[in-house]
C-alpha atoms as a PDB file:
ATOM      1  CA  MET A   1     -92.029  79.354   0.065  1.00  0.00           C
ATOM      2  CA  ARG A   2     -89.531  76.828  -1.303  1.00  0.00           C
ATOM      3  CA  ILE A   3     -86.266  76.665   0.628  1.00  0.00           C
ATOM      4  CA  ALA A   4     -83.158  74.774  -0.530  1.00  0.00           C
ATOM      5  CA  LEU A   5     -80.990  73.247   2.203  1.00  0.00           C
ATOM      6  CA  GLY A   6     -77.446  71.969   2.090  1.00  0.00           C
ATOM      7  CA  ALA A   7     -74.970  70.944   4.758  1.00  0.00           C
ATOM      8  CA  ASP A   8     -71.822  69.011   5.385  1.00  0.00           C
ATOM      9  CA  HIS A   9     -71.429  66.478   8.184  1.00  0.00           C
ATOM     10  CA  ALA A  10     -70.901  69.208  10.811  1.00  0.00           C
ATOM     11  CA  GLY A  11     -74.136  70.928   9.823  1.00  0.00           C
ATOM     12  CA  TYR A  12     -76.187  67.778   9.282  1.00  0.00           C
ATOM     13  CA  ARG A  13     -78.007  67.781  12.633  1.00  0.00           C
ATOM     14  CA  LEU A  14     -78.874  71.441  12.274  1.00  0.00           C
ATOM     15  CA  LYS A  15     -80.097  70.795   8.721  1.00  0.00           C
ATOM     16  CA  VAL A  16     -82.482  68.135  10.026  1.00  0.00           C
ATOM     17  CA  ALA A  17     -83.858  70.594  12.602  1.00  0.00           C
ATOM     18  CA  VAL A  18     -84.142  73.390  10.023  1.00  0.00           C
ATOM     19  CA  ALA A  19     -85.938  71.095   7.560  1.00  0.00           C
ATOM     20  CA  LYS A  20     -88.477  70.068  10.207  1.00  0.00           C
ATOM     21  CA  HIS A  21     -88.997  73.669  11.334  1.00  0.00           C
ATOM     22  CA  LEU A  22     -89.592  74.805   7.761  1.00  0.00           C
ATOM     23  CA  ALA A  23     -91.915  71.916   6.913  1.00  0.00           C
ATOM     24  CA  ASP A  24     -93.868  72.502  10.138  1.00  0.00           C
ATOM     25  CA  GLY A  25     -94.207  76.133   9.030  1.00  0.00           C
ATOM     26  CA  GLY A  26     -95.768  75.071   5.725  1.00  0.00           C
ATOM     27  CA  HIS A  27     -92.699  75.615   3.546  1.00  0.00           C
ATOM     28  CA  ASP A  28     -91.545  73.311   0.777  1.00  0.00           C
ATOM     29  CA  VAL A  29     -88.057  71.988   1.577  1.00  0.00           C
ATOM     30  CA  LEU A  30     -85.581  71.028  -1.122  1.00  0.00           C
ATOM     31  CA  ASP A  31     -82.964  68.949   0.727  1.00  0.00           C
ATOM     32  CA  LEU A  32     -79.759  68.835  -1.320  1.00  0.00           C
ATOM     33  CA  GLY A  33     -77.719  66.834   1.207  1.00  0.00           C
ATOM     34  CA  THR A  34     -75.718  65.602   2.941  1.00  0.00           C
ATOM     35  CA  ASP A  35     -77.676  62.745   4.466  1.00  0.00           C
ATOM     36  CA  SER A  36     -75.572  61.785   7.494  1.00  0.00           C
ATOM     37  CA  GLU A  37     -72.778  62.817   9.826  1.00  0.00           C
ATOM     38  CA  THR A  38     -70.243  60.911   7.726  1.00  0.00           C
ATOM     39  CA  SER A  39     -67.441  63.316   6.817  1.00  0.00           C
ATOM     40  CA  VAL A  40     -67.923  65.037   3.449  1.00  0.00           C
ATOM     41  CA  ASP A  41     -66.640  68.170   1.743  1.00  0.00           C
ATOM     42  CA  TYR A  42     -69.125  71.051   1.768  1.00  0.00           C
ATOM     43  CA  PRO A  43     -68.530  72.970  -1.507  1.00  0.00           C
ATOM     44  CA  ALA A  44     -70.726  70.809  -3.755  1.00  0.00           C
ATOM     45  CA  PHE A  45     -73.682  70.955  -1.352  1.00  0.00           C
ATOM     46  CA  CYS A  46     -73.426  74.730  -1.025  1.00  0.00           C
ATOM     47  CA  ALA A  47     -73.090  75.196  -4.770  1.00  0.00           C
ATOM     48  CA  ALA A  48     -76.202  73.067  -5.286  1.00  0.00           C
ATOM     49  CA  VAL A  49     -78.151  75.326  -2.923  1.00  0.00           C
ATOM     50  CA  GLY A  50     -76.840  78.413  -4.689  1.00  0.00           C
ATOM     51  CA  ARG A  51     -77.755  77.005  -8.082  1.00  0.00           C
ATOM     52  CA  ALA A  52     -81.268  76.151  -6.885  1.00  0.00           C
ATOM     53  CA  VAL A  53     -81.749  79.727  -5.699  1.00  0.00           C
ATOM     54  CA  GLY A  54     -80.147  81.221  -8.799  1.00  0.00           C
ATOM     55  CA  SER A  55     -82.295  79.172 -11.161  1.00  0.00           C
ATOM     56  CA  GLY A  56     -85.516  79.941  -9.304  1.00  0.00           C
ATOM     57  CA  ASP A  57     -86.023  76.346  -8.165  1.00  0.00           C
ATOM     58  CA  ALA A  58     -85.890  77.736  -4.609  1.00  0.00           C
ATOM     59  CA  ASP A  59     -86.895  81.114  -3.207  1.00  0.00           C
ATOM     60  CA  LEU A  60     -84.159  81.113  -0.562  1.00  0.00           C
ATOM     61  CA  GLY A  61     -81.402  78.807   0.584  1.00  0.00           C
ATOM     62  CA  VAL A  62     -79.741  77.772   3.825  1.00  0.00           C
ATOM     63  CA  VAL A  63     -76.242  76.284   3.985  1.00  0.00           C
ATOM     64  CA  MET A  64     -74.881  74.795   7.202  1.00  0.00           C
ATOM     65  CA  GLY A  65     -71.554  73.523   8.432  1.00  0.00           C
ATOM     66  CA  GLY A  66     -69.386  73.709  11.515  1.00  0.00           C
ATOM     67  CA  SER A  67     -68.806  77.456  11.362  1.00  0.00           C
ATOM     68  CA  GLY A  68     -70.809  78.443   8.295  1.00  0.00           C
ATOM     69  CA  GLN A  69     -67.827  80.393   6.946  1.00  0.00           C
ATOM     70  CA  GLY A  70     -66.729  78.011   4.219  1.00  0.00           C
ATOM     71  CA  GLU A  71     -70.336  77.287   3.346  1.00  0.00           C
ATOM     72  CA  GLN A  72     -71.013  80.990   2.840  1.00  0.00           C
ATOM     73  CA  ILE A  73     -67.912  81.366   0.688  1.00  0.00           C
ATOM     74  CA  ALA A  74     -68.801  78.362  -1.475  1.00  0.00           C
ATOM     75  CA  ALA A  75     -72.413  79.495  -1.972  1.00  0.00           C
ATOM     76  CA  ASN A  76     -71.236  82.996  -2.916  1.00  0.00           C
ATOM     77  CA  LYS A  77     -69.251  81.570  -5.838  1.00  0.00           C
ATOM     78  CA  VAL A  78     -72.538  80.877  -7.624  1.00  0.00           C
ATOM     79  CA  HIS A  79     -73.628  83.698  -9.917  1.00  0.00           C
ATOM     80  CA  GLY A  80     -76.509  85.667  -8.395  1.00  0.00           C
ATOM     81  CA  VAL A  81     -76.106  84.345  -4.859  1.00  0.00           C
ATOM     82  CA  ARG A  82     -75.810  86.741  -1.948  1.00  0.00           C
ATOM     83  CA  ALA A  83     -75.058  84.430   0.977  1.00  0.00           C
ATOM     84  CA  ALA A  84     -74.738  85.859   4.475  1.00  0.00           C
ATOM     85  CA  LEU A  85     -73.264  84.211   7.544  1.00  0.00           C
ATOM     86  CA  CYS A  86     -75.581  85.245  10.360  1.00  0.00           C
ATOM     87  CA  LEU A  87     -74.831  84.496  13.992  1.00  0.00           C
ATOM     88  CA  ASP A  88     -77.637  86.582  15.494  1.00  0.00           C
ATOM     89  CA  GLU A  89     -80.983  88.177  14.636  1.00  0.00           C
ATOM     90  CA  PHE A  90     -79.428  91.593  13.933  1.00  0.00           C
ATOM     91  CA  THR A  91     -77.139  90.328  11.176  1.00  0.00           C
ATOM     92  CA  ALA A  92     -79.962  88.213   9.737  1.00  0.00           C
ATOM     93  CA  ARG A  93     -82.254  91.237   9.549  1.00  0.00           C
ATOM     94  CA  LEU A  94     -79.620  93.487   7.992  1.00  0.00           C
ATOM     95  CA  ALA A  95     -78.535  90.805   5.518  1.00  0.00           C
ATOM     96  CA  ARG A  96     -82.051  90.802   4.110  1.00  0.00           C
ATOM     97  CA  GLU A  97     -82.940  94.502   4.550  1.00  0.00           C
ATOM     98  CA  HIS A  98     -79.725  95.982   3.182  1.00  0.00           C
ATOM     99  CA  ASN A  99     -78.148  93.244   1.042  1.00  0.00           C
ATOM    100  CA  ASN A 100     -81.188  91.299  -0.170  1.00  0.00           C
ATOM    101  CA  ALA A 101     -79.353  88.132   0.864  1.00  0.00           C
ATOM    102  CA  ASN A 102     -80.907  85.033  -0.668  1.00  0.00           C
ATOM    103  CA  VAL A 103     -78.870  82.353   1.129  1.00  0.00           C
ATOM    104  CA  LEU A 104     -78.385  82.103   4.887  1.00  0.00           C
ATOM    105  CA  ALA A 105     -75.245  80.438   6.246  1.00  0.00           C
ATOM    106  CA  LEU A 106     -75.327  78.973   9.757  1.00  0.00           C
ATOM    107  CA  GLY A 107     -72.656  77.378  11.903  1.00  0.00           C
ATOM    108  CA  GLY A 108     -73.927  74.247  13.619  1.00  0.00           C
ATOM    109  CA  ARG A 109     -70.976  74.241  16.008  1.00  0.00           C
ATOM    110  CA  ILE A 110     -71.392  77.933  16.829  1.00  0.00           C
ATOM    111  CA  VAL A 111     -75.120  78.610  17.138  1.00  0.00           C
ATOM    112  CA  ALA A 112     -77.429  76.496  19.286  1.00  0.00           C
ATOM    113  CA  GLU A 113     -80.268  74.831  17.408  1.00  0.00           C
ATOM    114  CA  GLN A 114     -83.127  76.880  18.864  1.00  0.00           C
ATOM    115  CA  PHE A 115     -81.240  80.127  18.308  1.00  0.00           C
ATOM    116  CA  ALA A 116     -80.449  79.074  14.723  1.00  0.00           C
ATOM    117  CA  LEU A 117     -84.184  78.606  14.118  1.00  0.00           C
ATOM    118  CA  THR A 118     -84.824  82.099  15.483  1.00  0.00           C
ATOM    119  CA  ILE A 119     -82.163  83.508  13.148  1.00  0.00           C
ATOM    120  CA  LEU A 120     -83.773  81.608  10.265  1.00  0.00           C
ATOM    121  CA  ASP A 121     -87.212  83.017  11.089  1.00  0.00           C
ATOM    122  CA  VAL A 122     -85.846  86.575  11.180  1.00  0.00           C
ATOM    123  CA  PHE A 123     -83.992  86.040   7.888  1.00  0.00           C
ATOM    124  CA  MET A 124     -87.081  84.660   6.164  1.00  0.00           C
ATOM    125  CA  GLY A 125     -89.437  87.203   7.693  1.00  0.00           C
ATOM    126  CA  THR A 126     -87.446  90.275   6.689  1.00  0.00           C
ATOM    127  CA  GLN A 127     -87.979  92.034   3.383  1.00  0.00           C
ATOM    128  CA  TYR A 128     -85.421  93.936   1.342  1.00  0.00           C
ATOM    129  CA  GLU A 129     -85.664  97.722   1.894  1.00  0.00           C
ATOM    130  CA  GLY A 130     -84.531  98.752  -1.571  1.00  0.00           C
ATOM    131  CA  GLY A 131     -84.020 102.479  -1.966  1.00  0.00           C
ATOM    132  CA  ARG A 132     -80.467 103.545  -1.140  1.00  0.00           C
ATOM    133  CA  HIS A 133     -79.363  99.897  -1.159  1.00  0.00           C
ATOM    134  CA  ASP A 134     -80.327  99.334  -4.814  1.00  0.00           C
ATOM    135  CA  ALA A 135     -77.293 101.225  -6.153  1.00  0.00           C
ATOM    136  CA  ARG A 136     -74.939  99.187  -3.967  1.00  0.00           C
ATOM    137  CA  LEU A 137     -76.434  95.888  -5.055  1.00  0.00           C
ATOM    138  CA  ALA A 138     -76.195  97.020  -8.670  1.00  0.00           C
ATOM    139  CA  GLN A 139     -72.494  97.709  -8.120  1.00  0.00           C
ATOM    140  CA  ILE A 140     -72.015  94.239  -6.627  1.00  0.00           C
ATOM    141  CA  ALA A 141     -73.858  92.696  -9.576  1.00  0.00           C
ATOM    142  CA  GLN A 142     -71.628  94.648 -11.978  1.00  0.00           C
ATOM    143  CA  ILE A 143     -68.491  93.299 -10.266  1.00  0.00           C
ATOM    144  CA  GLU A 144     -69.929  89.796 -10.538  1.00  0.00           C
ATOM    145  CA  ARG A 145     -70.633  90.256 -14.263  1.00  0.00           C
ATOM    146  CA  GLU A 146     -67.129  91.611 -14.881  1.00  0.00           C
ATOM    147  CA  GLU A 147     -65.527  88.711 -13.016  1.00  0.00           C
ATOM    148  CA  CYS A 148     -67.641  86.131 -14.847  1.00  0.00           C
ATOM    149  CA  GLU A 149     -66.790  87.669 -18.222  1.00  0.00           C
ATOM    150  CA  GLY A 150     -63.094  87.731 -17.288  1.00  0.00           C
ATOM    151  CA  ALA A 151     -63.196  84.052 -16.362  1.00  0.00           C
ATOM    152  CA  GLN A 152     -64.410  83.171 -19.843  1.00  0.00           C
ATOM    153  CA  ALA A 153     -61.599  85.025 -21.614  1.00  0.00           C
END
């Protein structure tokens, strides 16, 4: 599986650990930055991850920052992205099962490294249930289409 990663300075250390964990697991890692703990703004990195997922250049994405909140919000601005901030295994499982989330957001200042890797493994190892959730995702996609069309007017 090809996984796109992006982080700001607060998520950099976690990104390094996630990249190693994924590579050790046989996954192809697309590292979209940042490359140090020097202070940077996160939106561009998160958008790059979202665009990689949306275009099919990556199967899933992971965005990381101090809390993961802003990173999730930024990634969700990209058409077709369903980013979920997950702080435990339960939310990671439900994000995939019920929402077919394709980007995981993690807070490097909130979740310990080893626990973040566990959350990542649950997120990646969980499949979308479909069924009753399909109609809800279709409604979300319709809202997204309407908002994108409105932005062009």
